[in-house]
């Protein structure tokens, strides 16, 4: 029988705390960049100009159809060799996670844009609004109610995927706990509490996603 000893967790409480802070930093930065980039890519995909829509489509396919782990490793190790751009482990993880998730965000924005009644867009054109005015005043405000739940849900995915940053030595939660386990040889206790910490971080986001779906379903 395994001799469980959770007393050891208290000795490493600051490791969990610092790891959680770094995990949140990576996730929040990735959310900001992914949403910003995803919005532009999603709008470009809907453009009638092939010069915009084709590169945007390829961007989405490339980053959705390749594993995030490979993207993290490639940006951290290959980018300095091929392009002379060197990023530390933290920012390499942020960039990779942002690029990867922006492809999914772009599809969310595209689906939200498509959901807007075409009659509203035609009416705005008759009133003399240009493309960017239509997008800012007509399309995006209406599409938000369709996009918000999956966007919030993607934030939960980003929190979980941030654990992959451990492969390049970022001291987020998983990597921090892996280092501790090599010293105390208590993997079951440490990983069990690690799962609980991830749950505490992710559950409020997942709950907010579900509540937003219910809210918009009832209101509209």
C-alpha atoms as a PDB file:
ATOM      1  CA  UNK A   1       0.000   0.000   0.000  1.00  0.00           C
ATOM      2  CA  UNK A   2       1.205   3.504  -0.846  1.00  0.00           C
ATOM      3  CA  UNK A   3       1.868   5.667   2.204  1.00  0.00           C
ATOM      4  CA  UNK A   4       0.128   8.954   1.384  1.00  0.00           C
ATOM      5  CA  UNK A   5       1.596  12.039   3.012  1.00  0.00           C
ATOM      6  CA  UNK A   6      -0.030  15.337   2.074  1.00  0.00           C
ATOM      7  CA  UNK A   7       1.850  17.201   4.806  1.00  0.00           C
ATOM      8  CA  UNK A   8       4.638  17.713   2.279  1.00  0.00           C
ATOM      9  CA  UNK A   9       2.346  19.941   0.191  1.00  0.00           C
ATOM     10  CA  UNK A  10       2.480  22.755   2.752  1.00  0.00           C
ATOM     11  CA  UNK A  11       6.269  22.881   2.485  1.00  0.00           C
ATOM     12  CA  UNK A  12       5.973  23.649  -1.221  1.00  0.00           C
ATOM     13  CA  UNK A  13       2.958  25.952  -1.144  1.00  0.00           C
ATOM     14  CA  UNK A  14       4.975  28.852  -2.573  1.00  0.00           C
ATOM     15  CA  UNK A  15       6.028  26.699  -5.521  1.00  0.00           C
ATOM     16  CA  UNK A  16       2.368  26.171  -6.386  1.00  0.00           C
ATOM     17  CA  UNK A  17       1.642  29.861  -5.920  1.00  0.00           C
ATOM     18  CA  UNK A  18       4.535  31.076  -8.076  1.00  0.00           C
ATOM     19  CA  UNK A  19       3.781  28.467 -10.717  1.00  0.00           C
ATOM     20  CA  UNK A  20       0.133  29.536 -10.786  1.00  0.00           C
ATOM     21  CA  UNK A  21       1.138  33.185 -11.202  1.00  0.00           C
ATOM     22  CA  UNK A  22       3.375  32.365 -14.175  1.00  0.00           C
ATOM     23  CA  UNK A  23       0.656  30.162 -15.680  1.00  0.00           C
ATOM     24  CA  UNK A  24      -1.821  33.038 -15.420  1.00  0.00           C
ATOM     25  CA  UNK A  25       0.692  35.488 -16.898  1.00  0.00           C
ATOM     26  CA  UNK A  26       1.273  33.243 -19.917  1.00  0.00           C
ATOM     27  CA  UNK A  27      -2.450  32.628 -20.339  1.00  0.00           C
ATOM     28  CA  UNK A  28      -3.554  36.256 -20.042  1.00  0.00           C
ATOM     29  CA  UNK A  29      -0.911  37.478 -22.472  1.00  0.00           C
ATOM     30  CA  UNK A  30      -1.813  34.679 -24.897  1.00  0.00           C
ATOM     31  CA  UNK A  31      -5.509  35.551 -24.646  1.00  0.00           C
ATOM     32  CA  UNK A  32      -4.827  39.208 -25.408  1.00  0.00           C
ATOM     33  CA  UNK A  33      -2.639  38.507 -28.433  1.00  0.00           C
ATOM     34  CA  UNK A  34      -4.779  35.616 -29.689  1.00  0.00           C
ATOM     35  CA  UNK A  35      -7.997  37.641 -29.563  1.00  0.00           C
ATOM     36  CA  UNK A  36      -6.382  40.662 -31.229  1.00  0.00           C
ATOM     37  CA  UNK A  37      -4.718  38.649 -33.989  1.00  0.00           C
ATOM     38  CA  UNK A  38      -7.697  36.320 -34.357  1.00  0.00           C
ATOM     39  CA  UNK A  39     -10.019  39.272 -34.951  1.00  0.00           C
ATOM     40  CA  UNK A  40      -7.923  40.560 -37.859  1.00  0.00           C
ATOM     41  CA  UNK A  41      -7.457  37.082 -39.333  1.00  0.00           C
ATOM     42  CA  UNK A  42     -11.167  36.315 -39.002  1.00  0.00           C
ATOM     43  CA  UNK A  43     -12.120  39.550 -40.757  1.00  0.00           C
ATOM     44  CA  UNK A  44      -9.515  38.881 -43.469  1.00  0.00           C
ATOM     45  CA  UNK A  45     -10.978  35.424 -44.080  1.00  0.00           C
ATOM     46  CA  UNK A  46     -14.333  37.014 -44.857  1.00  0.00           C
ATOM     47  CA  UNK A  47     -12.836  39.510 -47.285  1.00  0.00           C
ATOM     48  CA  UNK A  48     -13.743  39.221 -50.981  1.00  0.00           C
ATOM     49  CA  UNK A  49     -10.151  40.084 -51.827  1.00  0.00           C
ATOM     50  CA  UNK A  50      -8.104  36.940 -52.395  1.00  0.00           C
ATOM     51  CA  UNK A  51      -4.983  38.834 -51.359  1.00  0.00           C
ATOM     52  CA  UNK A  52      -6.425  38.916 -47.826  1.00  0.00           C
ATOM     53  CA  UNK A  53      -8.604  35.811 -47.621  1.00  0.00           C
ATOM     54  CA  UNK A  54      -6.111  33.261 -48.980  1.00  0.00           C
ATOM     55  CA  UNK A  55      -3.194  34.082 -46.604  1.00  0.00           C
ATOM     56  CA  UNK A  56      -5.676  34.213 -43.707  1.00  0.00           C
ATOM     57  CA  UNK A  57      -7.068  30.801 -44.645  1.00  0.00           C
ATOM     58  CA  UNK A  58      -3.582  29.288 -44.879  1.00  0.00           C
ATOM     59  CA  UNK A  59      -2.660  30.851 -41.541  1.00  0.00           C
ATOM     60  CA  UNK A  60      -5.662  29.222 -39.863  1.00  0.00           C
ATOM     61  CA  UNK A  61      -5.006  25.825 -41.428  1.00  0.00           C
ATOM     62  CA  UNK A  62      -1.299  25.805 -40.603  1.00  0.00           C
ATOM     63  CA  UNK A  63      -1.699  26.646 -36.927  1.00  0.00           C
ATOM     64  CA  UNK A  64      -4.813  24.515 -36.389  1.00  0.00           C
ATOM     65  CA  UNK A  65      -3.413  21.450 -38.144  1.00  0.00           C
ATOM     66  CA  UNK A  66      -0.033  21.276 -36.402  1.00  0.00           C
ATOM     67  CA  UNK A  67       0.474  20.380 -32.719  1.00  0.00           C
ATOM     68  CA  UNK A  68       1.056  23.217 -30.291  1.00  0.00           C
ATOM     69  CA  UNK A  69       3.951  21.300 -28.745  1.00  0.00           C
ATOM     70  CA  UNK A  70       5.784  21.310 -32.082  1.00  0.00           C
ATOM     71  CA  UNK A  71       5.080  25.017 -32.529  1.00  0.00           C
ATOM     72  CA  UNK A  72       6.525  25.831 -29.101  1.00  0.00           C
ATOM     73  CA  UNK A  73       9.676  23.825 -29.762  1.00  0.00           C
ATOM     74  CA  UNK A  74      10.052  25.259 -33.269  1.00  0.00           C
ATOM     75  CA  UNK A  75       9.725  28.879 -32.132  1.00  0.00           C
ATOM     76  CA  UNK A  76      12.135  28.391 -29.232  1.00  0.00           C
ATOM     77  CA  UNK A  77      14.819  26.355 -30.991  1.00  0.00           C
ATOM     78  CA  UNK A  78      14.432  26.910 -34.753  1.00  0.00           C
ATOM     79  CA  UNK A  79      13.502  30.579 -34.960  1.00  0.00           C
ATOM     80  CA  UNK A  80      16.926  31.784 -33.735  1.00  0.00           C
ATOM     81  CA  UNK A  81      18.691  29.585 -36.312  1.00  0.00           C
ATOM     82  CA  UNK A  82      16.497  30.357 -39.319  1.00  0.00           C
ATOM     83  CA  UNK A  83      15.627  34.008 -38.707  1.00  0.00           C
ATOM     84  CA  UNK A  84      18.025  35.190 -36.026  1.00  0.00           C
ATOM     85  CA  UNK A  85      15.141  35.962 -33.652  1.00  0.00           C
ATOM     86  CA  UNK A  86      15.837  34.746 -30.129  1.00  0.00           C
ATOM     87  CA  UNK A  87      13.092  34.623 -27.513  1.00  0.00           C
ATOM     88  CA  UNK A  88      13.450  33.494 -23.947  1.00  0.00           C
ATOM     89  CA  UNK A  89      11.403  30.478 -22.880  1.00  0.00           C
ATOM     90  CA  UNK A  90       8.583  32.550 -21.390  1.00  0.00           C
ATOM     91  CA  UNK A  91       7.989  34.666 -24.495  1.00  0.00           C
ATOM     92  CA  UNK A  92       8.489  31.733 -26.851  1.00  0.00           C
ATOM     93  CA  UNK A  93       5.634  29.985 -25.033  1.00  0.00           C
ATOM     94  CA  UNK A  94       3.464  33.118 -25.165  1.00  0.00           C
ATOM     95  CA  UNK A  95       4.075  33.625 -28.889  1.00  0.00           C
ATOM     96  CA  UNK A  96       3.438  29.973 -29.756  1.00  0.00           C
ATOM     97  CA  UNK A  97       0.285  29.799 -27.664  1.00  0.00           C
ATOM     98  CA  UNK A  98      -0.958  33.107 -29.102  1.00  0.00           C
ATOM     99  CA  UNK A  99      -0.395  32.052 -32.702  1.00  0.00           C
ATOM    100  CA  UNK A 100      -1.945  28.640 -32.158  1.00  0.00           C
ATOM    101  CA  UNK A 101      -5.060  29.893 -30.391  1.00  0.00           C
ATOM    102  CA  UNK A 102      -5.500  32.900 -32.696  1.00  0.00           C
ATOM    103  CA  UNK A 103      -6.323  30.422 -35.474  1.00  0.00           C
ATOM    104  CA  UNK A 104      -9.226  29.112 -33.383  1.00  0.00           C
ATOM    105  CA  UNK A 105     -10.220  32.627 -32.377  1.00  0.00           C
ATOM    106  CA  UNK A 106     -10.272  33.611 -36.056  1.00  0.00           C
ATOM    107  CA  UNK A 107     -12.811  30.870 -36.779  1.00  0.00           C
ATOM    108  CA  UNK A 108     -14.956  32.057 -33.885  1.00  0.00           C
ATOM    109  CA  UNK A 109     -14.900  35.620 -35.201  1.00  0.00           C
ATOM    110  CA  UNK A 110     -15.609  34.413 -38.729  1.00  0.00           C
ATOM    111  CA  UNK A 111     -18.594  32.359 -37.557  1.00  0.00           C
ATOM    112  CA  UNK A 112     -19.886  35.328 -35.568  1.00  0.00           C
ATOM    113  CA  UNK A 113     -19.588  37.632 -38.570  1.00  0.00           C
ATOM    114  CA  UNK A 114     -21.407  35.139 -40.793  1.00  0.00           C
ATOM    115  CA  UNK A 115     -24.250  34.882 -38.256  1.00  0.00           C
ATOM    116  CA  UNK A 116     -25.220  38.554 -38.697  1.00  0.00           C
ATOM    117  CA  UNK A 117     -28.293  39.065 -40.886  1.00  0.00           C
ATOM    118  CA  UNK A 118     -27.155  40.113 -44.357  1.00  0.00           C
ATOM    119  CA  UNK A 119     -30.081  42.538 -44.522  1.00  0.00           C
ATOM    120  CA  UNK A 120     -28.502  44.636 -41.776  1.00  0.00           C
ATOM    121  CA  UNK A 121     -25.281  44.849 -43.756  1.00  0.00           C
ATOM    122  CA  UNK A 122     -27.116  45.827 -46.946  1.00  0.00           C
ATOM    123  CA  UNK A 123     -29.017  48.530 -45.051  1.00  0.00           C
ATOM    124  CA  UNK A 124     -25.745  49.919 -43.690  1.00  0.00           C
ATOM    125  CA  UNK A 125     -24.297  50.054 -47.199  1.00  0.00           C
ATOM    126  CA  UNK A 126     -27.343  51.969 -48.409  1.00  0.00           C
ATOM    127  CA  UNK A 127     -26.762  54.483 -45.616  1.00  0.00           C
ATOM    128  CA  UNK A 128     -23.255  55.030 -46.983  1.00  0.00           C
ATOM    129  CA  UNK A 129     -21.203  53.307 -44.279  1.00  0.00           C
ATOM    130  CA  UNK A 130     -17.845  51.939 -45.401  1.00  0.00           C
ATOM    131  CA  UNK A 131     -16.551  48.442 -44.635  1.00  0.00           C
ATOM    132  CA  UNK A 132     -14.821  49.322 -41.390  1.00  0.00           C
ATOM    133  CA  UNK A 133     -17.795  51.337 -40.118  1.00  0.00           C
ATOM    134  CA  UNK A 134     -20.123  48.457 -40.904  1.00  0.00           C
ATOM    135  CA  UNK A 135     -17.813  46.055 -39.112  1.00  0.00           C
ATOM    136  CA  UNK A 136     -17.438  48.257 -36.027  1.00  0.00           C
ATOM    137  CA  UNK A 137     -21.006  49.534 -35.689  1.00  0.00           C
ATOM    138  CA  UNK A 138     -23.185  46.806 -37.183  1.00  0.00           C
ATOM    139  CA  UNK A 139     -21.487  43.415 -37.393  1.00  0.00           C
ATOM    140  CA  UNK A 140     -19.266  43.110 -34.331  1.00  0.00           C
ATOM    141  CA  UNK A 141     -21.839  44.369 -31.781  1.00  0.00           C
ATOM    142  CA  UNK A 142     -24.368  41.802 -33.034  1.00  0.00           C
ATOM    143  CA  UNK A 143     -21.855  39.007 -33.435  1.00  0.00           C
ATOM    144  CA  UNK A 144     -20.550  39.414 -29.894  1.00  0.00           C
ATOM    145  CA  UNK A 145     -23.387  37.436 -28.341  1.00  0.00           C
ATOM    146  CA  UNK A 146     -22.509  34.495 -30.611  1.00  0.00           C
ATOM    147  CA  UNK A 147     -18.785  34.777 -30.070  1.00  0.00           C
ATOM    148  CA  UNK A 148     -18.521  35.434 -26.335  1.00  0.00           C
ATOM    149  CA  UNK A 149     -19.247  31.904 -25.000  1.00  0.00           C
ATOM    150  CA  UNK A 150     -16.701  30.116 -27.245  1.00  0.00           C
ATOM    151  CA  UNK A 151     -14.162  32.895 -26.652  1.00  0.00           C
ATOM    152  CA  UNK A 152     -14.441  32.427 -22.887  1.00  0.00           C
ATOM    153  CA  UNK A 153     -14.237  28.670 -23.361  1.00  0.00           C
ATOM    154  CA  UNK A 154     -11.032  29.119 -25.360  1.00  0.00           C
ATOM    155  CA  UNK A 155      -9.547  30.969 -22.403  1.00  0.00           C
ATOM    156  CA  UNK A 156     -10.017  27.774 -20.368  1.00  0.00           C
ATOM    157  CA  UNK A 157      -8.262  25.840 -23.137  1.00  0.00           C
ATOM    158  CA  UNK A 158      -5.360  28.281 -23.065  1.00  0.00           C
ATOM    159  CA  UNK A 159      -4.956  27.773 -19.314  1.00  0.00           C
ATOM    160  CA  UNK A 160      -4.709  24.026 -19.846  1.00  0.00           C
ATOM    161  CA  UNK A 161      -2.415  24.251 -22.852  1.00  0.00           C
ATOM    162  CA  UNK A 162      -0.031  26.546 -20.984  1.00  0.00           C
ATOM    163  CA  UNK A 163       1.299  23.402 -19.274  1.00  0.00           C
ATOM    164  CA  UNK A 164       3.096  22.583 -22.540  1.00  0.00           C
ATOM    165  CA  UNK A 165       5.435  25.492 -21.847  1.00  0.00           C
ATOM    166  CA  UNK A 166       7.185  23.155 -19.426  1.00  0.00           C
ATOM    167  CA  UNK A 167       8.961  21.415 -22.338  1.00  0.00           C
ATOM    168  CA  UNK A 168      11.184  24.460 -22.885  1.00  0.00           C
ATOM    169  CA  UNK A 169      11.773  25.101 -19.189  1.00  0.00           C
ATOM    170  CA  UNK A 170       9.185  27.729 -18.312  1.00  0.00           C
ATOM    171  CA  UNK A 171       8.570  27.568 -14.581  1.00  0.00           C
ATOM    172  CA  UNK A 172       4.810  27.401 -14.826  1.00  0.00           C
ATOM    173  CA  UNK A 173       2.847  24.982 -12.656  1.00  0.00           C
ATOM    174  CA  UNK A 174       3.767  21.678 -14.265  1.00  0.00           C
ATOM    175  CA  UNK A 175       7.489  22.353 -14.649  1.00  0.00           C
ATOM    176  CA  UNK A 176       7.751  23.756 -11.124  1.00  0.00           C
ATOM    177  CA  UNK A 177       6.123  20.663  -9.621  1.00  0.00           C
ATOM    178  CA  UNK A 178       8.235  18.315 -11.762  1.00  0.00           C
ATOM    179  CA  UNK A 179      11.358  19.887 -10.259  1.00  0.00           C
ATOM    180  CA  UNK A 180      10.008  19.483  -6.739  1.00  0.00           C
ATOM    181  CA  UNK A 181       9.146  15.823  -7.307  1.00  0.00           C
ATOM    182  CA  UNK A 182      12.782  15.096  -8.182  1.00  0.00           C
ATOM    183  CA  UNK A 183      13.650  16.198  -4.638  1.00  0.00           C
ATOM    184  CA  UNK A 184      10.853  14.835  -2.475  1.00  0.00           C
ATOM    185  CA  UNK A 185       9.849  11.747  -4.505  1.00  0.00           C
ATOM    186  CA  UNK A 186       6.161  12.350  -3.790  1.00  0.00           C
ATOM    187  CA  UNK A 187       4.632  12.378  -7.286  1.00  0.00           C
ATOM    188  CA  UNK A 188       1.157  11.175  -6.328  1.00  0.00           C
ATOM    189  CA  UNK A 189       0.589  13.859  -3.709  1.00  0.00           C
ATOM    190  CA  UNK A 190       2.165  16.623  -5.784  1.00  0.00           C
ATOM    191  CA  UNK A 191       0.312  15.773  -8.992  1.00  0.00           C
ATOM    192  CA  UNK A 192      -2.982  15.299  -7.158  1.00  0.00           C
ATOM    193  CA  UNK A 193      -2.782  18.781  -5.672  1.00  0.00           C
ATOM    194  CA  UNK A 194      -1.547  20.109  -9.018  1.00  0.00           C
ATOM    195  CA  UNK A 195      -4.733  18.817 -10.637  1.00  0.00           C
ATOM    196  CA  UNK A 196      -6.729  20.567  -7.912  1.00  0.00           C
ATOM    197  CA  UNK A 197      -4.890  23.855  -8.537  1.00  0.00           C
ATOM    198  CA  UNK A 198      -5.605  23.637 -12.269  1.00  0.00           C
ATOM    199  CA  UNK A 199      -9.244  22.947 -11.446  1.00  0.00           C
ATOM    200  CA  UNK A 200      -9.403  26.036  -9.221  1.00  0.00           C
ATOM    201  CA  UNK A 201      -7.923  28.148 -12.023  1.00  0.00           C
ATOM    202  CA  UNK A 202     -10.014  26.743 -14.869  1.00  0.00           C
ATOM    203  CA  UNK A 203     -13.413  26.040 -13.288  1.00  0.00           C
ATOM    204  CA  UNK A 204     -14.435  29.728 -12.899  1.00  0.00           C
ATOM    205  CA  UNK A 205     -13.642  30.310 -16.581  1.00  0.00           C
ATOM    206  CA  UNK A 206     -15.556  27.216 -17.700  1.00  0.00           C
ATOM    207  CA  UNK A 207     -18.454  28.214 -15.446  1.00  0.00           C
ATOM    208  CA  UNK A 208     -18.486  31.724 -16.936  1.00  0.00           C
ATOM    209  CA  UNK A 209     -18.586  30.209 -20.431  1.00  0.00           C
ATOM    210  CA  UNK A 210     -21.608  28.078 -19.546  1.00  0.00           C
ATOM    211  CA  UNK A 211     -23.404  30.975 -17.851  1.00  0.00           C
ATOM    212  CA  UNK A 212     -22.806  33.240 -20.845  1.00  0.00           C
ATOM    213  CA  UNK A 213     -24.278  30.611 -23.164  1.00  0.00           C
ATOM    214  CA  UNK A 214     -27.381  30.363 -20.985  1.00  0.00           C
ATOM    215  CA  UNK A 215     -27.651  34.144 -20.691  1.00  0.00           C
ATOM    216  CA  UNK A 216     -27.507  34.793 -24.424  1.00  0.00           C
ATOM    217  CA  UNK A 217     -29.777  31.830 -25.183  1.00  0.00           C
ATOM    218  CA  UNK A 218     -32.485  33.266 -22.902  1.00  0.00           C
ATOM    219  CA  UNK A 219     -32.050  36.867 -23.985  1.00  0.00           C
ATOM    220  CA  UNK A 220     -31.944  36.249 -27.716  1.00  0.00           C
END
